[in-house]
PDB file of all heavy atoms in Angstrom:
ATOM      1  N   CYS A   1     -31.224   4.347   4.063  1.00  0.00           N
ATOM      2  CA  CYS A   1     -31.304   3.327   5.117  1.00  0.00           C
ATOM      3  C   CYS A   1     -30.381   2.148   4.820  1.00  0.00           C
ATOM      4  O   CYS A   1     -29.710   1.623   5.723  1.00  0.00           O
ATOM      5  CB  CYS A   1     -32.741   2.827   5.261  1.00  0.00           C
ATOM      6  SG  CYS A   1     -33.857   3.987   6.087  1.00  0.00           S
ATOM      7  N   THR A   2     -30.344   1.715   3.548  1.00  0.00           N
ATOM      8  CA  THR A   2     -29.471   0.589   3.186  1.00  0.00           C
ATOM      9  C   THR A   2     -28.002   0.959   3.388  1.00  0.00           C
ATOM     10  O   THR A   2     -27.203   0.135   3.850  1.00  0.00           O
ATOM     11  CB  THR A   2     -29.688   0.158   1.727  1.00  0.00           C
ATOM     12  OG1 THR A   2     -29.379   1.237   0.830  1.00  0.00           O
ATOM     13  CG2 THR A   2     -31.126  -0.287   1.495  1.00  0.00           C
ATOM     14  N   GLN A   3     -27.641   2.204   3.069  1.00  0.00           N
ATOM     15  CA  GLN A   3     -26.256   2.641   3.255  1.00  0.00           C
ATOM     16  C   GLN A   3     -25.871   2.682   4.732  1.00  0.00           C
ATOM     17  O   GLN A   3     -24.792   2.231   5.123  1.00  0.00           O
ATOM     18  CB  GLN A   3     -26.061   4.023   2.619  1.00  0.00           C
ATOM     19  CG  GLN A   3     -26.163   4.023   1.105  1.00  0.00           C
ATOM     20  CD  GLN A   3     -26.031   5.413   0.511  1.00  0.00           C
ATOM     21  OE1 GLN A   3     -26.596   6.375   1.035  1.00  0.00           O
ATOM     22  NE2 GLN A   3     -25.285   5.524  -0.569  1.00  0.00           N
ATOM     23  N   LEU A   4     -26.776   3.214   5.554  1.00  0.00           N
ATOM     24  CA  LEU A   4     -26.509   3.290   6.992  1.00  0.00           C
ATOM     25  C   LEU A   4     -26.466   1.899   7.624  1.00  0.00           C
ATOM     26  O   LEU A   4     -25.635   1.624   8.492  1.00  0.00           O
ATOM     27  CB  LEU A   4     -27.573   4.152   7.678  1.00  0.00           C
ATOM     28  CG  LEU A   4     -27.579   5.635   7.321  1.00  0.00           C
ATOM     29  CD1 LEU A   4     -28.800   6.329   7.934  1.00  0.00           C
ATOM     30  CD2 LEU A   4     -26.299   6.309   7.813  1.00  0.00           C
ATOM     31  N   ALA A   5     -27.379   1.018   7.197  1.00  0.00           N
ATOM     32  CA  ALA A   5     -27.394  -0.354   7.721  1.00  0.00           C
ATOM     33  C   ALA A   5     -26.132  -1.105   7.321  1.00  0.00           C
ATOM     34  O   ALA A   5     -25.553  -1.847   8.132  1.00  0.00           O
ATOM     35  CB  ALA A   5     -28.639  -1.086   7.206  1.00  0.00           C
ATOM     36  N   LYS A   6     -25.699  -0.916   6.095  1.00  0.00           N
ATOM     37  CA  LYS A   6     -24.460  -1.556   5.619  1.00  0.00           C
ATOM     38  C   LYS A   6     -23.261  -1.053   6.408  1.00  0.00           C
ATOM     39  O   LYS A   6     -22.376  -1.835   6.803  1.00  0.00           O
ATOM     40  CB  LYS A   6     -24.287  -1.258   4.125  1.00  0.00           C
ATOM     41  CG  LYS A   6     -23.067  -1.910   3.490  1.00  0.00           C
ATOM     42  CD  LYS A   6     -23.254  -3.399   3.348  1.00  0.00           C
ATOM     43  CE  LYS A   6     -22.096  -4.036   2.594  1.00  0.00           C
ATOM     44  NZ  LYS A   6     -22.232  -5.503   2.525  1.00  0.00           N
ATOM     45  N   ARG A   7     -23.230   0.251   6.667  1.00  0.00           N
ATOM     46  CA  ARG A   7     -22.115   0.837   7.410  1.00  0.00           C
ATOM     47  C   ARG A   7     -22.125   0.371   8.865  1.00  0.00           C
ATOM     48  O   ARG A   7     -21.063   0.121   9.447  1.00  0.00           O
ATOM     49  CB  ARG A   7     -22.223   2.359   7.339  1.00  0.00           C
ATOM     50  CG  ARG A   7     -20.986   3.110   7.818  1.00  0.00           C
ATOM     51  CD  ARG A   7     -21.216   4.607   7.692  1.00  0.00           C
ATOM     52  NE  ARG A   7     -21.657   4.971   6.350  1.00  0.00           N
ATOM     53  CZ  ARG A   7     -22.269   6.100   6.046  1.00  0.00           C
ATOM     54  NH1 ARG A   7     -22.568   6.965   7.016  1.00  0.00           N
ATOM     55  NH2 ARG A   7     -22.613   6.367   4.814  1.00  0.00           N
ATOM     56  N   GLN A   8     -23.308   0.232   9.463  1.00  0.00           N
ATOM     57  CA  GLN A   8     -23.410  -0.127  10.880  1.00  0.00           C
ATOM     58  C   GLN A   8     -23.215  -1.620  11.131  1.00  0.00           C
ATOM     59  O   GLN A   8     -22.557  -2.009  12.102  1.00  0.00           O
ATOM     60  CB  GLN A   8     -24.775   0.307  11.417  1.00  0.00           C
ATOM     61  CG  GLN A   8     -24.998   0.006  12.893  1.00  0.00           C
ATOM     62  CD  GLN A   8     -26.299   0.594  13.423  1.00  0.00           C
ATOM     63  OE1 GLN A   8     -26.806   1.573  12.889  1.00  0.00           O
ATOM     64  NE2 GLN A   8     -26.834  -0.004  14.473  1.00  0.00           N
ATOM     65  N   TRP A   9     -23.804  -2.463  10.250  1.00  0.00           N
ATOM     66  CA  TRP A   9     -23.808  -3.897  10.518  1.00  0.00           C
ATOM     67  C   TRP A   9     -23.000  -4.718   9.520  1.00  0.00           C
ATOM     68  O   TRP A   9     -22.685  -5.872   9.795  1.00  0.00           O
ATOM     69  CB  TRP A   9     -25.252  -4.420  10.512  1.00  0.00           C
ATOM     70  CG  TRP A   9     -26.103  -3.841  11.595  1.00  0.00           C
ATOM     71  CD1 TRP A   9     -25.779  -3.652  12.903  1.00  0.00           C
ATOM     72  CD2 TRP A   9     -27.452  -3.381  11.456  1.00  0.00           C
ATOM     73  NE1 TRP A   9     -26.838  -3.116  13.595  1.00  0.00           N
ATOM     74  CE2 TRP A   9     -27.898  -2.936  12.735  1.00  0.00           C
ATOM     75  CE3 TRP A   9     -28.366  -3.313  10.400  1.00  0.00           C
ATOM     76  CZ2 TRP A   9     -29.160  -2.428  12.967  1.00  0.00           C
ATOM     77  CZ3 TRP A   9     -29.625  -2.815  10.640  1.00  0.00           C
ATOM     78  CH2 TRP A   9     -30.024  -2.376  11.905  1.00  0.00           C
ATOM     79  N   GLY A  10     -22.709  -4.174   8.376  1.00  0.00           N
ATOM     80  CA  GLY A  10     -22.110  -4.995   7.325  1.00  0.00           C
ATOM     81  C   GLY A  10     -23.208  -5.753   6.605  1.00  0.00           C
ATOM     82  O   GLY A  10     -23.771  -5.278   5.620  1.00  0.00           O
ATOM     83  N   ASN A  11     -23.526  -6.938   7.111  1.00  0.00           N
ATOM     84  CA  ASN A  11     -24.637  -7.714   6.561  1.00  0.00           C
ATOM     85  C   ASN A  11     -25.922  -7.388   7.319  1.00  0.00           C
ATOM     86  O   ASN A  11     -25.901  -7.233   8.542  1.00  0.00           O
ATOM     87  CB  ASN A  11     -24.341  -9.216   6.665  1.00  0.00           C
ATOM     88  CG  ASN A  11     -23.140  -9.605   5.817  1.00  0.00           C
ATOM     89  OD1 ASN A  11     -22.932  -9.065   4.734  1.00  0.00           O
ATOM     90  ND2 ASN A  11     -22.353 -10.542   6.307  1.00  0.00           N
ATOM     91  N   TYR A  12     -27.011  -7.309   6.613  1.00  0.00           N
ATOM     92  CA  TYR A  12     -28.298  -7.018   7.242  1.00  0.00           C
ATOM     93  C   TYR A  12     -29.402  -7.738   6.473  1.00  0.00           C
ATOM     94  O   TYR A  12     -29.168  -8.296   5.391  1.00  0.00           O
ATOM     95  CB  TYR A  12     -28.570  -5.509   7.277  1.00  0.00           C
ATOM     96  CG  TYR A  12     -28.650  -4.866   5.909  1.00  0.00           C
ATOM     97  CD1 TYR A  12     -29.869  -4.735   5.243  1.00  0.00           C
ATOM     98  CD2 TYR A  12     -27.506  -4.385   5.269  1.00  0.00           C
ATOM     99  CE1 TYR A  12     -29.946  -4.163   3.990  1.00  0.00           C
ATOM    100  CE2 TYR A  12     -27.590  -3.802   4.017  1.00  0.00           C
ATOM    101  CZ  TYR A  12     -28.801  -3.700   3.378  1.00  0.00           C
ATOM    102  OH  TYR A  12     -28.873  -3.135   2.140  1.00  0.00           O
ATOM    103  N   PHE A  13     -30.616  -7.722   7.041  1.00  0.00           N
ATOM    104  CA  PHE A  13     -31.765  -8.372   6.414  1.00  0.00           C
ATOM    105  C   PHE A  13     -32.897  -7.355   6.226  1.00  0.00           C
ATOM    106  O   PHE A  13     -32.948  -6.344   6.920  1.00  0.00           O
ATOM    107  CB  PHE A  13     -32.248  -9.548   7.268  1.00  0.00           C
ATOM    108  CG  PHE A  13     -31.260 -10.680   7.344  1.00  0.00           C
ATOM    109  CD1 PHE A  13     -30.286 -10.689   8.342  1.00  0.00           C
ATOM    110  CD2 PHE A  13     -31.287 -11.709   6.422  1.00  0.00           C
ATOM    111  CE1 PHE A  13     -29.365 -11.712   8.411  1.00  0.00           C
ATOM    112  CE2 PHE A  13     -30.366 -12.741   6.485  1.00  0.00           C
ATOM    113  CZ  PHE A  13     -29.407 -12.744   7.487  1.00  0.00           C
ATOM    114  N   VAL A  14     -33.765  -7.670   5.290  1.00  0.00           N
ATOM    115  CA  VAL A  14     -34.878  -6.780   4.937  1.00  0.00           C
ATOM    116  C   VAL A  14     -36.197  -7.512   5.140  1.00  0.00           C
ATOM    117  O   VAL A  14     -36.368  -8.644   4.663  1.00  0.00           O
ATOM    118  CB  VAL A  14     -34.774  -6.305   3.475  1.00  0.00           C
ATOM    119  CG1 VAL A  14     -35.933  -5.378   3.129  1.00  0.00           C
ATOM    120  CG2 VAL A  14     -33.443  -5.622   3.216  1.00  0.00           C
ATOM    121  N   LEU A  15     -37.096  -6.877   5.860  1.00  0.00           N
ATOM    122  CA  LEU A  15     -38.476  -7.352   5.958  1.00  0.00           C
ATOM    123  C   LEU A  15     -39.322  -6.457   5.065  1.00  0.00           C
ATOM    124  O   LEU A  15     -39.457  -5.263   5.321  1.00  0.00           O
ATOM    125  CB  LEU A  15     -38.981  -7.287   7.402  1.00  0.00           C
ATOM    126  CG  LEU A  15     -40.484  -7.505   7.627  1.00  0.00           C
ATOM    127  CD1 LEU A  15     -40.926  -8.861   7.105  1.00  0.00           C
ATOM    128  CD2 LEU A  15     -40.846  -7.332   9.100  1.00  0.00           C
ATOM    129  N   LYS A  16     -39.860  -7.033   4.004  1.00  0.00           N
ATOM    130  CA  LYS A  16     -40.681  -6.270   3.055  1.00  0.00           C
ATOM    131  C   LYS A  16     -42.123  -6.751   3.167  1.00  0.00           C
ATOM    132  O   LYS A  16     -42.402  -7.934   2.932  1.00  0.00           O
ATOM    133  CB  LYS A  16     -40.179  -6.436   1.629  1.00  0.00           C
ATOM    134  CG  LYS A  16     -40.882  -5.526   0.625  1.00  0.00           C
ATOM    135  CD  LYS A  16     -40.243  -5.602  -0.747  1.00  0.00           C
ATOM    136  CE  LYS A  16     -40.879  -4.577  -1.687  1.00  0.00           C
ATOM    137  NZ  LYS A  16     -42.307  -4.857  -1.936  1.00  0.00           N
ATOM    138  N   CYS A  17     -43.016  -5.839   3.543  1.00  0.00           N
ATOM    139  CA  CYS A  17     -44.418  -6.191   3.803  1.00  0.00           C
ATOM    140  C   CYS A  17     -45.356  -5.478   2.833  1.00  0.00           C
ATOM    141  O   CYS A  17     -45.094  -4.354   2.405  1.00  0.00           O
ATOM    142  CB  CYS A  17     -44.801  -5.814   5.232  1.00  0.00           C
ATOM    143  SG  CYS A  17     -43.844  -6.651   6.517  1.00  0.00           S
ATOM    144  N   ASP A  18     -46.440  -6.150   2.550  1.00  0.00           N
ATOM    145  CA  ASP A  18     -47.484  -5.594   1.692  1.00  0.00           C
ATOM    146  C   ASP A  18     -48.825  -6.012   2.292  1.00  0.00           C
ATOM    147  O   ASP A  18     -49.046  -7.194   2.572  1.00  0.00           O
ATOM    148  CB  ASP A  18     -47.332  -6.125   0.258  1.00  0.00           C
ATOM    149  CG  ASP A  18     -48.471  -5.689  -0.631  1.00  0.00           C
ATOM    150  OD1 ASP A  18     -48.867  -4.518  -0.556  1.00  0.00           O
ATOM    151  OD2 ASP A  18     -48.976  -6.526  -1.409  1.00  0.00           O
ATOM    152  N   ILE A  19     -49.706  -5.054   2.514  1.00  0.00           N
ATOM    153  CA  ILE A  19     -51.004  -5.360   3.111  1.00  0.00           C
ATOM    154  C   ILE A  19     -51.964  -5.846   2.030  1.00  0.00           C
ATOM    155  O   ILE A  19     -52.098  -5.232   0.968  1.00  0.00           O
ATOM    156  CB  ILE A  19     -51.574  -4.122   3.831  1.00  0.00           C
ATOM    157  CG1 ILE A  19     -50.659  -3.738   4.995  1.00  0.00           C
ATOM    158  CG2 ILE A  19     -52.995  -4.388   4.327  1.00  0.00           C
ATOM    159  CD1 ILE A  19     -51.041  -2.462   5.694  1.00  0.00           C
ATOM    160  N   SER A  20     -52.617  -6.950   2.309  1.00  0.00           N
ATOM    161  CA  SER A  20     -53.510  -7.569   1.333  1.00  0.00           C
ATOM    162  C   SER A  20     -54.801  -6.768   1.170  1.00  0.00           C
ATOM    163  O   SER A  20     -55.474  -6.456   2.154  1.00  0.00           O
ATOM    164  CB  SER A  20     -53.825  -8.998   1.790  1.00  0.00           C
ATOM    165  OG  SER A  20     -54.731  -9.621   0.906  1.00  0.00           O
ATOM    166  N   LYS A  21     -55.121  -6.419  -0.083  1.00  0.00           N
ATOM    167  CA  LYS A  21     -56.378  -5.738  -0.433  1.00  0.00           C
ATOM    168  C   LYS A  21     -56.668  -4.600   0.544  1.00  0.00           C
ATOM    169  O   LYS A  21     -57.730  -4.546   1.175  1.00  0.00           O
ATOM    170  CB  LYS A  21     -57.531  -6.744  -0.427  1.00  0.00           C
ATOM    171  CG  LYS A  21     -57.350  -7.864  -1.440  1.00  0.00           C
ATOM    172  CD  LYS A  21     -58.474  -8.877  -1.370  1.00  0.00           C
ATOM    173  CE  LYS A  21     -58.261 -10.007  -2.361  1.00  0.00           C
ATOM    174  NZ  LYS A  21     -59.316 -11.036  -2.274  1.00  0.00           N
ATOM    175  N   PHE A  22     -55.733  -3.676   0.628  1.00  0.00           N
ATOM    176  CA  PHE A  22     -55.789  -2.653   1.664  1.00  0.00           C
ATOM    177  C   PHE A  22     -57.035  -1.769   1.571  1.00  0.00           C
ATOM    178  O   PHE A  22     -57.832  -1.685   2.509  1.00  0.00           O
ATOM    179  CB  PHE A  22     -54.523  -1.797   1.619  1.00  0.00           C
ATOM    180  CG  PHE A  22     -54.568  -0.609   2.536  1.00  0.00           C
ATOM    181  CD1 PHE A  22     -54.835  -0.766   3.891  1.00  0.00           C
ATOM    182  CD2 PHE A  22     -54.363   0.681   2.060  1.00  0.00           C
ATOM    183  CE1 PHE A  22     -54.887   0.323   4.750  1.00  0.00           C
ATOM    184  CE2 PHE A  22     -54.413   1.773   2.902  1.00  0.00           C
ATOM    185  CZ  PHE A  22     -54.674   1.583   4.250  1.00  0.00           C
ATOM    186  N   PHE A  23     -57.225  -1.077   0.443  1.00  0.00           N
ATOM    187  CA  PHE A  23     -58.347  -0.142   0.325  1.00  0.00           C
ATOM    188  C   PHE A  23     -59.703  -0.829   0.533  1.00  0.00           C
ATOM    189  O   PHE A  23     -60.569  -0.292   1.235  1.00  0.00           O
ATOM    190  CB  PHE A  23     -58.304   0.582  -1.020  1.00  0.00           C
ATOM    191  CG  PHE A  23     -57.346   1.732  -1.063  1.00  0.00           C
ATOM    192  CD1 PHE A  23     -56.005   1.532  -1.375  1.00  0.00           C
ATOM    193  CD2 PHE A  23     -57.761   3.018  -0.764  1.00  0.00           C
ATOM    194  CE1 PHE A  23     -55.107   2.591  -1.394  1.00  0.00           C
ATOM    195  CE2 PHE A  23     -56.878   4.092  -0.783  1.00  0.00           C
ATOM    196  CZ  PHE A  23     -55.544   3.876  -1.092  1.00  0.00           C
ATOM    197  N   PRO A  24     -59.931  -2.027  -0.052  1.00  0.00           N
ATOM    198  CA  PRO A  24     -61.223  -2.691   0.193  1.00  0.00           C
ATOM    199  C   PRO A  24     -61.384  -3.221   1.618  1.00  0.00           C
ATOM    200  O   PRO A  24     -62.485  -3.647   1.979  1.00  0.00           O
ATOM    201  CB  PRO A  24     -61.201  -3.866  -0.808  1.00  0.00           C
ATOM    202  CG  PRO A  24     -60.158  -3.523  -1.807  1.00  0.00           C
ATOM    203  CD  PRO A  24     -59.136  -2.729  -1.073  1.00  0.00           C
ATOM    204  N   SER A  25     -60.300  -3.210   2.420  1.00  0.00           N
ATOM    205  CA  SER A  25     -60.353  -3.800   3.765  1.00  0.00           C
ATOM    206  C   SER A  25     -60.441  -2.768   4.883  1.00  0.00           C
ATOM    207  O   SER A  25     -60.513  -3.148   6.057  1.00  0.00           O
ATOM    208  CB  SER A  25     -59.117  -4.684   3.986  1.00  0.00           C
ATOM    209  OG  SER A  25     -59.035  -5.708   3.023  1.00  0.00           O
ATOM    210  N   VAL A  26     -60.407  -1.488   4.556  1.00  0.00           N
ATOM    211  CA  VAL A  26     -60.437  -0.450   5.597  1.00  0.00           C
ATOM    212  C   VAL A  26     -61.778  -0.467   6.321  1.00  0.00           C
ATOM    213  O   VAL A  26     -62.837  -0.306   5.703  1.00  0.00           O
ATOM    214  CB  VAL A  26     -60.177   0.944   4.983  1.00  0.00           C
ATOM    215  CG1 VAL A  26     -60.419   2.041   6.016  1.00  0.00           C
ATOM    216  CG2 VAL A  26     -58.747   1.030   4.446  1.00  0.00           C
ATOM    217  N   ASN A  27     -61.746  -0.664   7.630  1.00  0.00           N
ATOM    218  CA  ASN A  27     -62.958  -0.722   8.446  1.00  0.00           C
ATOM    219  C   ASN A  27     -63.411   0.700   8.794  1.00  0.00           C
ATOM    220  O   ASN A  27     -62.649   1.481   9.361  1.00  0.00           O
ATOM    221  CB  ASN A  27     -62.680  -1.519   9.725  1.00  0.00           C
ATOM    222  CG  ASN A  27     -63.902  -1.673  10.592  1.00  0.00           C
ATOM    223  OD1 ASN A  27     -64.369  -0.721  11.218  1.00  0.00           O
ATOM    224  ND2 ASN A  27     -64.441  -2.882  10.635  1.00  0.00           N
ATOM    225  N   HIS A  28     -64.655   1.038   8.465  1.00  0.00           N
ATOM    226  CA  HIS A  28     -65.152   2.397   8.650  1.00  0.00           C
ATOM    227  C   HIS A  28     -65.166   2.824  10.117  1.00  0.00           C
ATOM    228  O   HIS A  28     -64.796   3.956  10.445  1.00  0.00           O
ATOM    229  CB  HIS A  28     -66.563   2.527   8.064  1.00  0.00           C
ATOM    230  CG  HIS A  28     -66.591   2.401   6.574  1.00  0.00           C
ATOM    231  ND1 HIS A  28     -67.714   2.648   5.819  1.00  0.00           N
ATOM    232  CD2 HIS A  28     -65.632   2.047   5.686  1.00  0.00           C
ATOM    233  CE1 HIS A  28     -67.453   2.466   4.541  1.00  0.00           C
ATOM    234  NE2 HIS A  28     -66.190   2.082   4.442  1.00  0.00           N
TER     235      HIS A  28
END
């Protein structure tokens, strides 16, 4: 993905997400 994004746009940005306390937060 980084190679394709670099080839398509030159400069690009990354959104990196992490879900807080995922396993303890799963609603049954």
